Amino acid sequence: MNRVFLLSILPPRRILRGNCSIQRGTPKISNQQPIAKDTDSTVLRTESEKVTPPSVKGERVPVLVILTGKDENRHFPINQPESVIGRDTRADLPLDDSKVSRRHSKVLYSNLGQTGEIPDCRILDLGSTNGTFLNGEEVLDEDGVWLQDRDRIQIGNTILGYFLMDQDAISLT
């Protein structure tokens, strides 16, 4: 049984079964007959043609993205061992939010510079007035809580997403 893997966040335009492949340009199936013109980036491959997605090929970098708040969609790559988040303009990740303390929380990047490893980051609250929340749970551990790809961090009225992004994708943001 052949399995088909979708290598795109775009929805496929049609469902194909059997040994098939849709690629940019003029897609073909196993008998090499053109089936359609398709110019988006959707690529279907059989299990035998499976390729490594781009995010796994390069180095993955931890990034905080403001999901809701005054600076929505702003990206902050975490590129130092400690990154302070707060209302203070001198913070590594300054937030314009009256519910955020000057030095609200901190992200610790424990294996910075170690290539080939998944980044190990954790977040801890710095004694803020309104607390730091990870996926809806208050961060109380003084050593911090480990972050995982796609975690949600709430600081004041601002919600940040923690993402592991391909190094090449960072330069595009």
C-alpha atoms as a PDB file:
ATOM      1  CA  MET A   1       0.000   0.000   0.000  1.00  0.00           C
ATOM      2  CA  ASN A   2       1.435   3.345  -1.003  1.00  0.00           C
ATOM      3  CA  ARG A   3       0.929   6.258   1.367  1.00  0.00           C
ATOM      4  CA  VAL A   4       0.823   9.824   0.088  1.00  0.00           C
ATOM      5  CA  PHE A   5       2.474  12.662   2.047  1.00  0.00           C
ATOM      6  CA  LEU A   6       1.479  16.285   1.609  1.00  0.00           C
ATOM      7  CA  LEU A   7       4.431  18.660   1.792  1.00  0.00           C
ATOM      8  CA  SER A   8       2.608  21.972   1.960  1.00  0.00           C
ATOM      9  CA  ILE A   9       0.315  23.927   4.212  1.00  0.00           C
ATOM     10  CA  LEU A  10      -1.928  24.642   1.229  1.00  0.00           C
ATOM     11  CA  PRO A  11      -4.891  22.290   0.785  1.00  0.00           C
ATOM     12  CA  PRO A  12      -4.600  19.920  -2.192  1.00  0.00           C
ATOM     13  CA  ARG A  13      -6.827  20.735  -5.154  1.00  0.00           C
ATOM     14  CA  ARG A  14      -7.709  17.130  -5.864  1.00  0.00           C
ATOM     15  CA  ILE A  15      -7.227  13.756  -4.209  1.00  0.00           C
ATOM     16  CA  LEU A  16      -5.273  11.168  -6.162  1.00  0.00           C
ATOM     17  CA  ARG A  17      -4.873   7.511  -5.339  1.00  0.00           C
ATOM     18  CA  GLY A  18      -2.230   5.016  -6.331  1.00  0.00           C
ATOM     19  CA  ASN A  19       1.328   5.712  -7.422  1.00  0.00           C
ATOM     20  CA  CYS A  20       1.118   9.426  -8.239  1.00  0.00           C
ATOM     21  CA  SER A  21       2.928  12.678  -7.812  1.00  0.00           C
ATOM     22  CA  ILE A  22       1.833  16.282  -8.287  1.00  0.00           C
ATOM     23  CA  GLN A  23       4.603  18.817  -8.692  1.00  0.00           C
ATOM     24  CA  ARG A  24       4.840  22.450  -9.754  1.00  0.00           C
ATOM     25  CA  GLY A  25       4.357  22.893 -13.485  1.00  0.00           C
ATOM     26  CA  THR A  26       2.755  20.041 -15.405  1.00  0.00           C
ATOM     27  CA  PRO A  27       2.121  17.187 -12.937  1.00  0.00           C
ATOM     28  CA  LYS A  28       2.278  13.589 -14.123  1.00  0.00           C
ATOM     29  CA  ILE A  29       1.264  10.226 -12.768  1.00  0.00           C
ATOM     30  CA  SER A  30       3.150   6.958 -13.188  1.00  0.00           C
ATOM     31  CA  ASN A  31       2.144   6.512 -16.859  1.00  0.00           C
ATOM     32  CA  GLN A  32       3.721   9.964 -17.583  1.00  0.00           C
ATOM     33  CA  GLN A  33       0.451  11.442 -18.910  1.00  0.00           C
ATOM     34  CA  PRO A  34      -0.037  15.121 -17.997  1.00  0.00           C
ATOM     35  CA  ILE A  35      -3.092  15.443 -15.755  1.00  0.00           C
ATOM     36  CA  ALA A  36      -3.312  19.163 -14.973  1.00  0.00           C
ATOM     37  CA  LYS A  37      -1.492  22.461 -14.793  1.00  0.00           C
ATOM     38  CA  ASP A  38      -0.861  23.499 -11.191  1.00  0.00           C
ATOM     39  CA  THR A  39       1.178  26.536 -10.201  1.00  0.00           C
ATOM     40  CA  ASP A  40       0.903  26.468  -6.413  1.00  0.00           C
ATOM     41  CA  SER A  41       3.460  24.820  -4.148  1.00  0.00           C
ATOM     42  CA  THR A  42       1.414  21.706  -3.290  1.00  0.00           C
ATOM     43  CA  VAL A  43       3.477  18.554  -3.736  1.00  0.00           C
ATOM     44  CA  LEU A  44       2.153  15.024  -3.245  1.00  0.00           C
ATOM     45  CA  ARG A  45       4.627  12.146  -3.144  1.00  0.00           C
ATOM     46  CA  THR A  46       4.330   8.425  -2.571  1.00  0.00           C
ATOM     47  CA  GLU A  47       6.128   6.886   0.404  1.00  0.00           C
ATOM     48  CA  SER A  48       9.007   5.756  -1.823  1.00  0.00           C
ATOM     49  CA  GLU A  49       9.486   9.378  -2.976  1.00  0.00           C
ATOM     50  CA  LYS A  50       9.288  10.869   0.513  1.00  0.00           C
ATOM     51  CA  VAL A  51      11.709  13.751   1.038  1.00  0.00           C
ATOM     52  CA  THR A  52      12.812  15.546   4.159  1.00  0.00           C
ATOM     53  CA  PRO A  53      10.784  18.729   4.671  1.00  0.00           C
ATOM     54  CA  PRO A  54      12.861  21.929   4.502  1.00  0.00           C
ATOM     55  CA  SER A  55      12.443  22.623   8.231  1.00  0.00           C
ATOM     56  CA  VAL A  56      14.357  19.442   9.048  1.00  0.00           C
ATOM     57  CA  LYS A  57      17.173  19.982   6.524  1.00  0.00           C
ATOM     58  CA  GLY A  58      18.516  23.202   8.063  1.00  0.00           C
ATOM     59  CA  GLU A  59      19.137  24.309  11.605  1.00  0.00           C
ATOM     60  CA  ARG A  60      15.990  24.930  13.599  1.00  0.00           C
ATOM     61  CA  VAL A  61      15.904  28.190  15.517  1.00  0.00           C
ATOM     62  CA  PRO A  62      13.581  29.051  18.425  1.00  0.00           C
ATOM     63  CA  VAL A  63      11.422  32.085  17.651  1.00  0.00           C
ATOM     64  CA  LEU A  64       8.804  33.958  19.645  1.00  0.00           C
ATOM     65  CA  VAL A  65       6.027  35.447  17.515  1.00  0.00           C
ATOM     66  CA  ILE A  66       3.507  37.932  18.884  1.00  0.00           C
ATOM     67  CA  LEU A  67       0.143  36.359  18.077  1.00  0.00           C
ATOM     68  CA  THR A  68      -2.068  38.954  19.770  1.00  0.00           C
ATOM     69  CA  GLY A  69      -1.069  42.353  21.043  1.00  0.00           C
ATOM     70  CA  LYS A  70       0.091  45.739  19.789  1.00  0.00           C
ATOM     71  CA  ASP A  71       3.028  44.310  17.806  1.00  0.00           C
ATOM     72  CA  GLU A  72       1.126  41.376  16.279  1.00  0.00           C
ATOM     73  CA  ASN A  73       3.161  39.165  13.880  1.00  0.00           C
ATOM     74  CA  ARG A  74       6.490  40.537  15.097  1.00  0.00           C
ATOM     75  CA  HIS A  75       9.186  37.813  15.221  1.00  0.00           C
ATOM     76  CA  PHE A  76      11.901  37.544  17.871  1.00  0.00           C
ATOM     77  CA  PRO A  77      14.529  34.866  17.180  1.00  0.00           C
ATOM     78  CA  ILE A  78      16.016  33.629  20.446  1.00  0.00           C
ATOM     79  CA  ASN A  79      19.749  33.901  19.833  1.00  0.00           C
ATOM     80  CA  GLN A  80      21.306  34.286  23.275  1.00  0.00           C
ATOM     81  CA  PRO A  81      21.413  32.154  26.449  1.00  0.00           C
ATOM     82  CA  GLU A  82      18.965  34.445  28.300  1.00  0.00           C
ATOM     83  CA  SER A  83      16.297  36.688  26.772  1.00  0.00           C
ATOM     84  CA  VAL A  84      14.289  38.975  29.059  1.00  0.00           C
ATOM     85  CA  ILE A  85      10.695  39.780  28.106  1.00  0.00           C
ATOM     86  CA  GLY A  86       9.146  42.912  29.576  1.00  0.00           C
ATOM     87  CA  ARG A  87       7.764  46.408  29.231  1.00  0.00           C
ATOM     88  CA  ASP A  88      11.218  47.995  29.669  1.00  0.00           C
ATOM     89  CA  THR A  89      12.588  49.244  26.349  1.00  0.00           C
ATOM     90  CA  ARG A  90      15.937  47.665  27.294  1.00  0.00           C
ATOM     91  CA  ALA A  91      14.358  44.187  27.480  1.00  0.00           C
ATOM     92  CA  ASP A  92      15.504  41.717  24.819  1.00  0.00           C
ATOM     93  CA  LEU A  93      11.856  41.358  23.808  1.00  0.00           C
ATOM     94  CA  PRO A  94      10.112  44.620  24.724  1.00  0.00           C
ATOM     95  CA  LEU A  95       6.313  44.491  24.844  1.00  0.00           C
ATOM     96  CA  ASP A  96       4.059  47.546  24.701  1.00  0.00           C
ATOM     97  CA  ASP A  97       1.450  46.242  27.143  1.00  0.00           C
ATOM     98  CA  SER A  98       0.442  47.959  30.405  1.00  0.00           C
ATOM     99  CA  LYS A  99      -0.216  44.546  32.065  1.00  0.00           C
ATOM    100  CA  VAL A 100       3.416  43.481  31.516  1.00  0.00           C
ATOM    101  CA  SER A 101       6.040  44.132  34.203  1.00  0.00           C
ATOM    102  CA  ARG A 102       9.283  45.913  33.274  1.00  0.00           C
ATOM    103  CA  ARG A 103      11.169  42.608  33.615  1.00  0.00           C
ATOM    104  CA  HIS A 104       8.329  40.125  33.368  1.00  0.00           C
ATOM    105  CA  SER A 105       9.799  36.787  32.309  1.00  0.00           C
ATOM    106  CA  LYS A 106      12.870  35.210  30.795  1.00  0.00           C
ATOM    107  CA  VAL A 107      13.569  32.563  28.141  1.00  0.00           C
ATOM    108  CA  LEU A 108      16.632  30.412  28.805  1.00  0.00           C
ATOM    109  CA  TYR A 109      18.257  28.701  25.805  1.00  0.00           C
ATOM    110  CA  SER A 110      20.353  25.940  27.363  1.00  0.00           C
ATOM    111  CA  ASN A 111      21.954  24.330  24.292  1.00  0.00           C
ATOM    112  CA  LEU A 112      22.624  27.443  22.217  1.00  0.00           C
ATOM    113  CA  GLY A 113      25.369  26.860  19.658  1.00  0.00           C
ATOM    114  CA  GLN A 114      25.094  23.072  19.654  1.00  0.00           C
ATOM    115  CA  THR A 115      24.409  22.202  16.031  1.00  0.00           C
ATOM    116  CA  GLY A 116      22.234  19.261  15.066  1.00  0.00           C
ATOM    117  CA  GLU A 117      20.188  19.367  18.270  1.00  0.00           C
ATOM    118  CA  ILE A 118      16.629  20.509  18.839  1.00  0.00           C
ATOM    119  CA  PRO A 119      16.779  23.794  20.783  1.00  0.00           C
ATOM    120  CA  ASP A 120      16.146  23.384  24.525  1.00  0.00           C
ATOM    121  CA  CYS A 121      14.403  26.480  25.842  1.00  0.00           C
ATOM    122  CA  ARG A 122      12.440  27.139  28.973  1.00  0.00           C
ATOM    123  CA  ILE A 123      10.498  30.095  30.275  1.00  0.00           C
ATOM    124  CA  LEU A 124      10.383  31.404  33.807  1.00  0.00           C
ATOM    125  CA  ASP A 125       8.512  34.220  35.499  1.00  0.00           C
ATOM    126  CA  LEU A 126      10.660  36.943  37.103  1.00  0.00           C
ATOM    127  CA  GLY A 127       8.213  37.712  39.933  1.00  0.00           C
ATOM    128  CA  SER A 128       5.861  39.674  37.706  1.00  0.00           C
ATOM    129  CA  THR A 129       2.645  41.185  39.026  1.00  0.00           C
ATOM    130  CA  ASN A 130       0.299  39.396  36.595  1.00  0.00           C
ATOM    131  CA  GLY A 131       2.190  36.136  36.050  1.00  0.00           C
ATOM    132  CA  THR A 132       3.353  34.215  33.001  1.00  0.00           C
ATOM    133  CA  PHE A 133       1.138  31.509  31.511  1.00  0.00           C
ATOM    134  CA  LEU A 134       2.176  28.624  29.292  1.00  0.00           C
ATOM    135  CA  ASN A 135      -0.722  27.026  27.401  1.00  0.00           C
ATOM    136  CA  GLY A 136      -3.133  28.426  29.996  1.00  0.00           C
ATOM    137  CA  GLU A 137      -1.190  27.204  33.052  1.00  0.00           C
ATOM    138  CA  GLU A 138       0.682  29.644  35.280  1.00  0.00           C
ATOM    139  CA  VAL A 139       4.463  29.211  35.258  1.00  0.00           C
ATOM    140  CA  LEU A 140       5.352  28.766  38.942  1.00  0.00           C
ATOM    141  CA  ASP A 141       8.514  26.647  38.813  1.00  0.00           C
ATOM    142  CA  GLU A 142      11.512  28.817  39.717  1.00  0.00           C
ATOM    143  CA  ASP A 143      13.670  26.812  37.282  1.00  0.00           C
ATOM    144  CA  GLY A 144      11.200  27.495  34.493  1.00  0.00           C
ATOM    145  CA  VAL A 145       9.102  25.258  32.267  1.00  0.00           C
ATOM    146  CA  TRP A 146      10.423  23.616  29.087  1.00  0.00           C
ATOM    147  CA  LEU A 147       9.005  24.969  25.859  1.00  0.00           C
ATOM    148  CA  GLN A 148       7.810  22.871  22.941  1.00  0.00           C
ATOM    149  CA  ASP A 149       7.134  23.857  19.351  1.00  0.00           C
ATOM    150  CA  ARG A 150       3.792  25.717  19.028  1.00  0.00           C
ATOM    151  CA  ASP A 151       3.426  26.517  22.737  1.00  0.00           C
ATOM    152  CA  ARG A 152       1.418  29.618  23.661  1.00  0.00           C
ATOM    153  CA  ILE A 153       2.803  32.054  26.228  1.00  0.00           C
ATOM    154  CA  GLN A 154       0.575  34.712  27.760  1.00  0.00           C
ATOM    155  CA  ILE A 155       2.254  37.737  29.308  1.00  0.00           C
ATOM    156  CA  GLY A 156      -0.200  40.464  30.304  1.00  0.00           C
ATOM    157  CA  ASN A 157      -2.635  40.873  27.401  1.00  0.00           C
ATOM    158  CA  THR A 158      -0.046  39.680  24.888  1.00  0.00           C
ATOM    159  CA  ILE A 159       0.039  36.127  23.566  1.00  0.00           C
ATOM    160  CA  LEU A 160       3.276  34.838  22.093  1.00  0.00           C
ATOM    161  CA  GLY A 161       3.787  31.673  20.094  1.00  0.00           C
ATOM    162  CA  TYR A 162       6.962  29.643  20.523  1.00  0.00           C
ATOM    163  CA  PHE A 163       8.032  28.084  17.239  1.00  0.00           C
ATOM    164  CA  LEU A 164      11.020  26.125  16.004  1.00  0.00           C
ATOM    165  CA  MET A 165      11.622  27.564  12.547  1.00  0.00           C
ATOM    166  CA  ASP A 166      14.034  26.696   9.775  1.00  0.00           C
ATOM    167  CA  GLN A 167      17.000  29.092   9.775  1.00  0.00           C
ATOM    168  CA  ASP A 168      16.262  30.057   6.147  1.00  0.00           C
ATOM    169  CA  ALA A 169      12.633  30.928   6.986  1.00  0.00           C
ATOM    170  CA  ILE A 170      13.791  33.374   9.669  1.00  0.00           C
ATOM    171  CA  SER A 171      15.515  35.581   7.118  1.00  0.00           C
ATOM    172  CA  LEU A 172      12.243  35.875   5.174  1.00  0.00           C
ATOM    173  CA  THR A 173      10.273  37.316   8.122  1.00  0.00           C
END
